């Protein structure tokens, strides 16, 4: 289950979503919505209402003459049921 959830995404937009009981996580590309839901419920001991996922494509970056690319990843917006809160991610 730890392999499914890579890390929470703590950004200004992500913290604003926490006000409406929604949290953002970086997840494994192969993970499905049901697997993500089970992993969040097991790790954080909360009840998940809904999971929305999206794939973020890598972007090209230049440093001088060399051109590189950032890695692609999958992001999950997890909405918790009423009364559930993830204390570790609350600001």
PDB file of N, CA and C in Angstrom:
ATOM      1  N   UNK A   1       0.818  -1.200   0.000  1.00  0.00           N
ATOM      2  CA  UNK A   1       0.000   0.000   0.000  1.00  0.00           C
ATOM      3  C   UNK A   1       0.860   1.262   0.000  1.00  0.00           C
ATOM      4  N   UNK A   2       2.042   1.182   0.598  1.00  0.00           N
ATOM      5  CA  UNK A   2       2.925   2.346   0.636  1.00  0.00           C
ATOM      6  C   UNK A   2       3.445   2.669  -0.763  1.00  0.00           C
ATOM      7  N   UNK A   3       3.502   1.670  -1.654  1.00  0.00           N
ATOM      8  CA  UNK A   3       4.006   1.903  -3.002  1.00  0.00           C
ATOM      9  C   UNK A   3       3.018   2.686  -3.848  1.00  0.00           C
ATOM     10  N   UNK A   4       1.757   2.699  -3.469  1.00  0.00           N
ATOM     11  CA  UNK A   4       0.728   3.380  -4.251  1.00  0.00           C
ATOM     12  C   UNK A   4       0.797   4.884  -4.022  1.00  0.00           C
ATOM     13  N   UNK A   5       0.882   5.305  -2.765  1.00  0.00           N
ATOM     14  CA  UNK A   5       0.937   6.724  -2.437  1.00  0.00           C
ATOM     15  C   UNK A   5       2.406   7.135  -2.373  1.00  0.00           C
ATOM     16  N   UNK A   6       2.818   8.025  -3.292  1.00  0.00           N
ATOM     17  CA  UNK A   6       4.212   8.463  -3.327  1.00  0.00           C
ATOM     18  C   UNK A   6       4.431   9.571  -2.299  1.00  0.00           C
ATOM     19  N   UNK A   7       3.605  10.632  -2.349  1.00  0.00           N
ATOM     20  CA  UNK A   7       3.765  11.752  -1.420  1.00  0.00           C
ATOM     21  C   UNK A   7       2.548  12.657  -1.504  1.00  0.00           C
ATOM     22  N   UNK A   8       2.230  13.355  -0.411  1.00  0.00           N
ATOM     23  CA  UNK A   8       1.188  14.382  -0.507  1.00  0.00           C
ATOM     24  C   UNK A   8       1.749  15.604  -1.233  1.00  0.00           C
ATOM     25  N   UNK A   9       0.903  16.281  -1.978  1.00  0.00           N
ATOM     26  CA  UNK A   9       1.318  17.491  -2.683  1.00  0.00           C
ATOM     27  C   UNK A   9       0.848  18.675  -1.843  1.00  0.00           C
ATOM     28  N   UNK A  10       1.806  19.379  -1.252  1.00  0.00           N
ATOM     29  CA  UNK A  10       1.484  20.503  -0.384  1.00  0.00           C
ATOM     30  C   UNK A  10       1.803  21.787  -1.134  1.00  0.00           C
ATOM     31  N   UNK A  11       0.785  22.332  -1.800  1.00  0.00           N
ATOM     32  CA  UNK A  11       0.907  23.585  -2.527  1.00  0.00           C
ATOM     33  C   UNK A  11      -0.191  24.517  -2.053  1.00  0.00           C
ATOM     34  N   UNK A  12      -0.158  25.736  -2.527  1.00  0.00           N
ATOM     35  CA  UNK A  12      -1.180  26.704  -2.139  1.00  0.00           C
ATOM     36  C   UNK A  12      -2.562  26.237  -2.591  1.00  0.00           C
ATOM     37  N   UNK A  13      -2.657  25.729  -3.797  1.00  0.00           N
ATOM     38  CA  UNK A  13      -3.930  25.235  -4.307  1.00  0.00           C
ATOM     39  C   UNK A  13      -4.384  24.001  -3.537  1.00  0.00           C
ATOM     40  N   UNK A  14      -3.444  23.116  -3.220  1.00  0.00           N
ATOM     41  CA  UNK A  14      -3.764  21.903  -2.465  1.00  0.00           C
ATOM     42  C   UNK A  14      -4.244  22.207  -1.058  1.00  0.00           C
ATOM     43  N   UNK A  15      -3.632  23.195  -0.404  1.00  0.00           N
ATOM     44  CA  UNK A  15      -4.063  23.575   0.944  1.00  0.00           C
ATOM     45  C   UNK A  15      -5.422  24.262   0.917  1.00  0.00           C
ATOM     46  N   UNK A  16      -5.726  24.964  -0.167  1.00  0.00           N
ATOM     47  CA  UNK A  16      -7.057  25.567  -0.312  1.00  0.00           C
ATOM     48  C   UNK A  16      -8.126  24.506  -0.478  1.00  0.00           C
ATOM     49  N   UNK A  17      -7.780  23.405  -1.131  1.00  0.00           N
ATOM     50  CA  UNK A  17      -8.732  22.302  -1.307  1.00  0.00           C
ATOM     51  C   UNK A  17      -8.995  21.589   0.014  1.00  0.00           C
ATOM     52  N   UNK A  18      -8.034  21.645   0.942  1.00  0.00           N
ATOM     53  CA  UNK A  18      -8.206  20.997   2.242  1.00  0.00           C
ATOM     54  C   UNK A  18      -9.343  21.643   3.030  1.00  0.00           C
ATOM     55  N   UNK A  19      -9.685  22.880   2.712  1.00  0.00           N
ATOM     56  CA  UNK A  19     -10.791  23.558   3.382  1.00  0.00           C
ATOM     57  C   UNK A  19     -12.127  22.899   3.055  1.00  0.00           C
ATOM     58  N   UNK A  20     -12.227  22.269   1.897  1.00  0.00           N
ATOM     59  CA  UNK A  20     -13.461  21.568   1.506  1.00  0.00           C
ATOM     60  C   UNK A  20     -13.286  20.056   1.614  1.00  0.00           C
ATOM     61  N   UNK A  21     -12.350  19.639   2.501  1.00  0.00           N
ATOM     62  CA  UNK A  21     -12.123  18.222   2.819  1.00  0.00           C
ATOM     63  C   UNK A  21     -11.595  17.430   1.624  1.00  0.00           C
ATOM     64  N   UNK A  22     -10.712  18.057   0.843  1.00  0.00           N
ATOM     65  CA  UNK A  22     -10.113  17.403  -0.313  1.00  0.00           C
ATOM     66  C   UNK A  22      -8.593  17.521  -0.215  1.00  0.00           C
ATOM     67  N   UNK A  23      -7.883  16.437  -0.481  1.00  0.00           N
ATOM     68  CA  UNK A  23      -6.432  16.405  -0.370  1.00  0.00           C
ATOM     69  C   UNK A  23      -5.837  15.917  -1.674  1.00  0.00           C
ATOM     70  N   UNK A  24      -4.600  16.350  -1.968  1.00  0.00           N
ATOM     71  CA  UNK A  24      -3.940  16.031  -3.225  1.00  0.00           C
ATOM     72  C   UNK A  24      -2.716  15.171  -2.939  1.00  0.00           C
ATOM     73  N   UNK A  25      -2.572  14.075  -3.695  1.00  0.00           N
ATOM     74  CA  UNK A  25      -1.451  13.152  -3.516  1.00  0.00           C
ATOM     75  C   UNK A  25      -0.817  12.834  -4.849  1.00  0.00           C
ATOM     76  N   UNK A  26       0.504  12.625  -4.830  1.00  0.00           N
ATOM     77  CA  UNK A  26       1.207  12.081  -5.987  1.00  0.00           C
ATOM     78  C   UNK A  26       1.177  10.569  -5.814  1.00  0.00           C
ATOM     79  N   UNK A  27       0.718   9.846  -6.835  1.00  0.00           N
ATOM     80  CA  UNK A  27       0.531   8.404  -6.724  1.00  0.00           C
ATOM     81  C   UNK A  27       1.280   7.688  -7.848  1.00  0.00           C
ATOM     82  N   UNK A  28       1.382   6.374  -7.725  1.00  0.00           N
ATOM     83  CA  UNK A  28       2.025   5.567  -8.758  1.00  0.00           C
ATOM     84  C   UNK A  28       1.200   5.626 -10.041  1.00  0.00           C
ATOM     85  N   UNK A  29       1.877   5.643 -11.167  1.00  0.00           N
ATOM     86  CA  UNK A  29       1.190   5.772 -12.453  1.00  0.00           C
ATOM     87  C   UNK A  29       0.256   4.594 -12.708  1.00  0.00           C
ATOM     88  N   UNK A  30       0.612   3.414 -12.225  1.00  0.00           N
ATOM     89  CA  UNK A  30      -0.197   2.226 -12.468  1.00  0.00           C
ATOM     90  C   UNK A  30      -1.361   2.072 -11.488  1.00  0.00           C
ATOM     91  N   UNK A  31      -1.468   2.944 -10.491  1.00  0.00           N
ATOM     92  CA  UNK A  31      -2.501   2.814  -9.460  1.00  0.00           C
ATOM     93  C   UNK A  31      -3.872   3.228  -9.990  1.00  0.00           C
ATOM     94  N   UNK A  32      -4.895   2.456  -9.617  1.00  0.00           N
ATOM     95  CA  UNK A  32      -6.267   2.771  -9.975  1.00  0.00           C
ATOM     96  C   UNK A  32      -6.969   3.478  -8.828  1.00  0.00           C
ATOM     97  N   UNK A  33      -8.171   3.968  -9.095  1.00  0.00           N
ATOM     98  CA  UNK A  33      -8.909   4.729  -8.081  1.00  0.00           C
ATOM     99  C   UNK A  33      -9.239   3.884  -6.856  1.00  0.00           C
ATOM    100  N   UNK A  34      -9.609   2.640  -7.052  1.00  0.00           N
ATOM    101  CA  UNK A  34      -9.980   1.772  -5.927  1.00  0.00           C
ATOM    102  C   UNK A  34      -8.758   1.483  -5.070  1.00  0.00           C
ATOM    103  N   UNK A  35      -7.613   1.235  -5.711  1.00  0.00           N
ATOM    104  CA  UNK A  35      -6.375   0.997  -4.965  1.00  0.00           C
ATOM    105  C   UNK A  35      -5.962   2.231  -4.165  1.00  0.00           C
ATOM    106  N   UNK A  36      -6.110   3.406  -4.764  1.00  0.00           N
ATOM    107  CA  UNK A  36      -5.764   4.653  -4.077  1.00  0.00           C
ATOM    108  C   UNK A  36      -6.671   4.850  -2.868  1.00  0.00           C
ATOM    109  N   UNK A  37      -7.954   4.591  -3.041  1.00  0.00           N
ATOM    110  CA  UNK A  37      -8.912   4.736  -1.936  1.00  0.00           C
ATOM    111  C   UNK A  37      -8.551   3.816  -0.773  1.00  0.00           C
ATOM    112  N   UNK A  38      -8.259   2.561  -1.064  1.00  0.00           N
ATOM    113  CA  UNK A  38      -7.905   1.600  -0.011  1.00  0.00           C
ATOM    114  C   UNK A  38      -6.608   2.003   0.685  1.00  0.00           C
ATOM    115  N   UNK A  39      -5.627   2.497  -0.076  1.00  0.00           N
ATOM    116  CA  UNK A  39      -4.343   2.892   0.504  1.00  0.00           C
ATOM    117  C   UNK A  39      -4.501   4.097   1.435  1.00  0.00           C
ATOM    118  N   UNK A  40      -5.269   5.096   1.030  1.00  0.00           N
ATOM    119  CA  UNK A  40      -5.491   6.282   1.862  1.00  0.00           C
ATOM    120  C   UNK A  40      -6.214   5.893   3.143  1.00  0.00           C
ATOM    121  N   UNK A  41      -7.232   5.041   3.022  1.00  0.00           N
ATOM    122  CA  UNK A  41      -7.989   4.615   4.205  1.00  0.00           C
ATOM    123  C   UNK A  41      -7.104   3.820   5.164  1.00  0.00           C
ATOM    124  N   UNK A  42      -6.188   3.003   4.635  1.00  0.00           N
ATOM    125  CA  UNK A  42      -5.316   2.201   5.490  1.00  0.00           C
ATOM    126  C   UNK A  42      -4.227   3.043   6.143  1.00  0.00           C
ATOM    127  N   UNK A  43      -3.635   3.973   5.405  1.00  0.00           N
ATOM    128  CA  UNK A  43      -2.517   4.755   5.932  1.00  0.00           C
ATOM    129  C   UNK A  43      -2.986   5.812   6.926  1.00  0.00           C
ATOM    130  N   UNK A  44      -4.019   6.566   6.565  1.00  0.00           N
ATOM    131  CA  UNK A  44      -4.437   7.709   7.376  1.00  0.00           C
ATOM    132  C   UNK A  44      -5.637   7.432   8.286  1.00  0.00           C
ATOM    133  N   UNK A  45      -6.236   6.241   8.204  1.00  0.00           N
ATOM    134  CA  UNK A  45      -7.375   5.851   9.055  1.00  0.00           C
ATOM    135  C   UNK A  45      -8.544   6.828   8.913  1.00  0.00           C
ATOM    136  N   UNK A  46      -8.943   7.107   7.667  1.00  0.00           N
ATOM    137  CA  UNK A  46     -10.072   7.989   7.364  1.00  0.00           C
ATOM    138  C   UNK A  46     -10.997   7.283   6.382  1.00  0.00           C
ATOM    139  N   UNK A  47     -12.159   7.850   6.142  1.00  0.00           N
ATOM    140  CA  UNK A  47     -13.111   7.319   5.168  1.00  0.00           C
ATOM    141  C   UNK A  47     -13.089   8.204   3.928  1.00  0.00           C
ATOM    142  N   UNK A  48     -12.883   7.595   2.771  1.00  0.00           N
ATOM    143  CA  UNK A  48     -12.788   8.312   1.502  1.00  0.00           C
ATOM    144  C   UNK A  48     -14.131   8.263   0.789  1.00  0.00           C
ATOM    145  N   UNK A  49     -14.593   9.422   0.327  1.00  0.00           N
ATOM    146  CA  UNK A  49     -15.851   9.498  -0.404  1.00  0.00           C
ATOM    147  C   UNK A  49     -15.630   9.356  -1.908  1.00  0.00           C
ATOM    148  N   UNK A  50     -14.567  10.001  -2.430  1.00  0.00           N
ATOM    149  CA  UNK A  50     -14.379  10.043  -3.880  1.00  0.00           C
ATOM    150  C   UNK A  50     -12.899  10.228  -4.206  1.00  0.00           C
ATOM    151  N   UNK A  51     -12.481   9.670  -5.336  1.00  0.00           N
ATOM    152  CA  UNK A  51     -11.108   9.828  -5.826  1.00  0.00           C
ATOM    153  C   UNK A  51     -11.160  10.247  -7.285  1.00  0.00           C
ATOM    154  N   UNK A  52     -10.493  11.359  -7.608  1.00  0.00           N
ATOM    155  CA  UNK A  52     -10.350  11.811  -8.985  1.00  0.00           C
ATOM    156  C   UNK A  52      -8.858  11.794  -9.321  1.00  0.00           C
ATOM    157  N   UNK A  53      -8.513  11.271 -10.496  1.00  0.00           N
ATOM    158  CA  UNK A  53      -7.105  11.178 -10.880  1.00  0.00           C
ATOM    159  C   UNK A  53      -6.852  11.915 -12.187  1.00  0.00           C
ATOM    160  N   UNK A  54      -5.589  12.312 -12.367  1.00  0.00           N
ATOM    161  CA  UNK A  54      -5.166  12.896 -13.630  1.00  0.00           C
ATOM    162  C   UNK A  54      -3.691  12.638 -13.813  1.00  0.00           C
ATOM    163  N   UNK A  55      -3.270  12.579 -15.072  1.00  0.00           N
ATOM    164  CA  UNK A  55      -1.859  12.381 -15.387  1.00  0.00           C
ATOM    165  C   UNK A  55      -1.248  13.728 -15.753  1.00  0.00           C
ATOM    166  N   UNK A  56      -0.100  14.023 -15.151  1.00  0.00           N
ATOM    167  CA  UNK A  56       0.621  15.257 -15.426  1.00  0.00           C
ATOM    168  C   UNK A  56       1.794  14.896 -16.334  1.00  0.00           C
ATOM    169  N   UNK A  57       1.810  15.468 -17.527  1.00  0.00           N
ATOM    170  CA  UNK A  57       2.878  15.169 -18.479  1.00  0.00           C
ATOM    171  C   UNK A  57       4.134  15.954 -18.134  1.00  0.00           C
ATOM    172  N   UNK A  58       5.288  15.345 -18.384  1.00  0.00           N
ATOM    173  CA  UNK A  58       6.561  16.011 -18.145  1.00  0.00           C
ATOM    174  C   UNK A  58       6.763  17.159 -19.125  1.00  0.00           C
ATOM    175  N   UNK A  59       7.483  18.176 -18.686  1.00  0.00           N
ATOM    176  CA  UNK A  59       7.728  19.352 -19.517  1.00  0.00           C
ATOM    177  C   UNK A  59       9.206  19.418 -19.894  1.00  0.00           C
ATOM    178  N   UNK A  60       9.471  20.005 -21.047  1.00  0.00           N
ATOM    179  CA  UNK A  60      10.856  20.199 -21.458  1.00  0.00           C
ATOM    180  C   UNK A  60      11.446  21.370 -20.695  1.00  0.00           C
ATOM    181  N   UNK A  61      12.681  21.199 -20.235  1.00  0.00           N
ATOM    182  CA  UNK A  61      13.396  22.252 -19.523  1.00  0.00           C
ATOM    183  C   UNK A  61      14.766  22.430 -20.166  1.00  0.00           C
ATOM    184  N   UNK A  62      15.207  23.670 -20.257  1.00  0.00           N
ATOM    185  CA  UNK A  62      16.518  23.969 -20.834  1.00  0.00           C
ATOM    186  C   UNK A  62      17.407  24.568 -19.765  1.00  0.00           C
ATOM    187  N   UNK A  63      18.638  24.125 -19.758  1.00  0.00           N
ATOM    188  CA  UNK A  63      19.675  24.752 -18.951  1.00  0.00           C
ATOM    189  C   UNK A  63      20.841  24.983 -19.904  1.00  0.00           C
ATOM    190  N   UNK A  64      20.960  26.209 -20.363  1.00  0.00           N
ATOM    191  CA  UNK A  64      21.973  26.511 -21.378  1.00  0.00           C
ATOM    192  C   UNK A  64      21.622  25.837 -22.685  1.00  0.00           C
ATOM    193  N   UNK A  65      22.550  25.036 -23.196  1.00  0.00           N
ATOM    194  CA  UNK A  65      22.308  24.343 -24.452  1.00  0.00           C
ATOM    195  C   UNK A  65      21.621  23.002 -24.271  1.00  0.00           C
ATOM    196  N   UNK A  66      21.774  22.434 -23.095  1.00  0.00           N
ATOM    197  CA  UNK A  66      21.224  21.092 -22.899  1.00  0.00           C
ATOM    198  C   UNK A  66      19.723  21.151 -22.630  1.00  0.00           C
ATOM    199  N   UNK A  67      19.021  20.210 -23.215  1.00  0.00           N
ATOM    200  CA  UNK A  67      17.571  20.120 -23.071  1.00  0.00           C
ATOM    201  C   UNK A  67      17.257  18.849 -22.310  1.00  0.00           C
ATOM    202  N   UNK A  68      16.429  18.973 -21.300  1.00  0.00           N
ATOM    203  CA  UNK A  68      16.006  17.818 -20.525  1.00  0.00           C
ATOM    204  C   UNK A  68      14.495  17.789 -20.418  1.00  0.00           C
ATOM    205  N   UNK A  69      14.002  16.856 -19.650  1.00  0.00           N
ATOM    206  CA  UNK A  69      12.560  16.731 -19.498  1.00  0.00           C
ATOM    207  C   UNK A  69      12.253  16.319 -18.063  1.00  0.00           C
ATOM    208  N   UNK A  70      11.258  16.970 -17.458  1.00  0.00           N
ATOM    209  CA  UNK A  70      10.832  16.562 -16.126  1.00  0.00           C
ATOM    210  C   UNK A  70       9.998  15.300 -16.261  1.00  0.00           C
ATOM    211  N   UNK A  71       9.911  14.542 -15.200  1.00  0.00           N
ATOM    212  CA  UNK A  71       9.210  13.265 -15.281  1.00  0.00           C
ATOM    213  C   UNK A  71       7.702  13.456 -15.227  1.00  0.00           C
ATOM    214  N   UNK A  72       6.993  12.550 -15.876  1.00  0.00           N
ATOM    215  CA  UNK A  72       5.537  12.527 -15.818  1.00  0.00           C
ATOM    216  C   UNK A  72       5.109  11.800 -14.553  1.00  0.00           C
ATOM    217  N   UNK A  73       3.949  12.170 -14.017  1.00  0.00           N
ATOM    218  CA  UNK A  73       3.445  11.501 -12.822  1.00  0.00           C
ATOM    219  C   UNK A  73       1.926  11.548 -12.803  1.00  0.00           C
ATOM    220  N   UNK A  74       1.342  10.837 -11.854  1.00  0.00           N
ATOM    221  CA  UNK A  74      -0.102  10.783 -11.700  1.00  0.00           C
ATOM    222  C   UNK A  74      -0.469  11.467 -10.387  1.00  0.00           C
ATOM    223  N   UNK A  75      -1.532  12.250 -10.422  1.00  0.00           N
ATOM    224  CA  UNK A  75      -1.988  13.002  -9.272  1.00  0.00           C
ATOM    225  C   UNK A  75      -3.398  12.550  -8.917  1.00  0.00           C
ATOM    226  N   UNK A  76      -3.703  12.474  -7.618  1.00  0.00           N
ATOM    227  CA  UNK A  76      -5.038  12.061  -7.170  1.00  0.00           C
ATOM    228  C   UNK A  76      -5.613  13.100  -6.226  1.00  0.00           C
ATOM    229  N   UNK A  77      -6.835  13.544  -6.513  1.00  0.00           N
ATOM    230  CA  UNK A  77      -7.588  14.412  -5.617  1.00  0.00           C
ATOM    231  C   UNK A  77      -8.525  13.507  -4.823  1.00  0.00           C
ATOM    232  N   UNK A  78      -8.310  13.449  -3.512  1.00  0.00           N
ATOM    233  CA  UNK A  78      -9.069  12.554  -2.644  1.00  0.00           C
ATOM    234  C   UNK A  78     -10.021  13.383  -1.794  1.00  0.00           C
ATOM    235  N   UNK A  79     -11.322  13.122  -1.942  1.00  0.00           N
ATOM    236  CA  UNK A  79     -12.332  13.790  -1.129  1.00  0.00           C
ATOM    237  C   UNK A  79     -12.731  12.864  -0.002  1.00  0.00           C
ATOM    238  N   UNK A  80     -12.663  13.365   1.226  1.00  0.00           N
ATOM    239  CA  UNK A  80     -13.002  12.574   2.397  1.00  0.00           C
ATOM    240  C   UNK A  80     -14.457  12.751   2.769  1.00  0.00           C
ATOM    241  N   UNK A  81     -15.002  11.761   3.475  1.00  0.00           N
ATOM    242  CA  UNK A  81     -16.371  11.856   3.955  1.00  0.00           C
ATOM    243  C   UNK A  81     -16.451  12.885   5.069  1.00  0.00           C
ATOM    244  N   UNK A  82     -17.650  13.376   5.302  1.00  0.00           N
ATOM    245  CA  UNK A  82     -17.894  14.400   6.322  1.00  0.00           C
ATOM    246  C   UNK A  82     -17.409  13.914   7.684  1.00  0.00           C
ATOM    247  N   UNK A  83     -16.632  14.732   8.359  1.00  0.00           N
ATOM    248  CA  UNK A  83     -16.126  14.379   9.680  1.00  0.00           C
ATOM    249  C   UNK A  83     -14.735  13.767   9.671  1.00  0.00           C
ATOM    250  N   UNK A  84     -14.234  13.361   8.500  1.00  0.00           N
ATOM    251  CA  UNK A  84     -12.887  12.787   8.402  1.00  0.00           C
ATOM    252  C   UNK A  84     -11.888  13.900   8.085  1.00  0.00           C
ATOM    253  N   UNK A  85     -10.751  13.878   8.766  1.00  0.00           N
ATOM    254  CA  UNK A  85      -9.710  14.885   8.554  1.00  0.00           C
ATOM    255  C   UNK A  85      -8.356  14.188   8.653  1.00  0.00           C
ATOM    256  N   UNK A  86      -7.427  14.545   7.763  1.00  0.00           N
ATOM    257  CA  UNK A  86      -6.060  14.044   7.854  1.00  0.00           C
ATOM    258  C   UNK A  86      -5.272  15.084   8.645  1.00  0.00           C
ATOM    259  N   UNK A  87      -4.956  14.771   9.879  1.00  0.00           N
ATOM    260  CA  UNK A  87      -4.307  15.718  10.784  1.00  0.00           C
ATOM    261  C   UNK A  87      -2.889  16.073  10.340  1.00  0.00           C
ATOM    262  N   UNK A  88      -2.167  15.128   9.736  1.00  0.00           N
ATOM    263  CA  UNK A  88      -0.786  15.377   9.327  1.00  0.00           C
ATOM    264  C   UNK A  88      -0.693  16.435   8.239  1.00  0.00           C
ATOM    265  N   UNK A  89      -1.739  16.594   7.438  1.00  0.00           N
ATOM    266  CA  UNK A  89      -1.708  17.522   6.306  1.00  0.00           C
ATOM    267  C   UNK A  89      -2.490  18.795   6.577  1.00  0.00           C
ATOM    268  N   UNK A  90      -3.060  18.918   7.752  1.00  0.00           N
ATOM    269  CA  UNK A  90      -3.852  20.093   8.084  1.00  0.00           C
ATOM    270  C   UNK A  90      -2.935  21.233   8.523  1.00  0.00           C
ATOM    271  N   UNK A  91      -3.219  22.441   8.039  1.00  0.00           N
ATOM    272  CA  UNK A  91      -2.412  23.599   8.414  1.00  0.00           C
ATOM    273  C   UNK A  91      -3.190  24.482   9.351  1.00  0.00           C
TER     274      UNK A  91
END
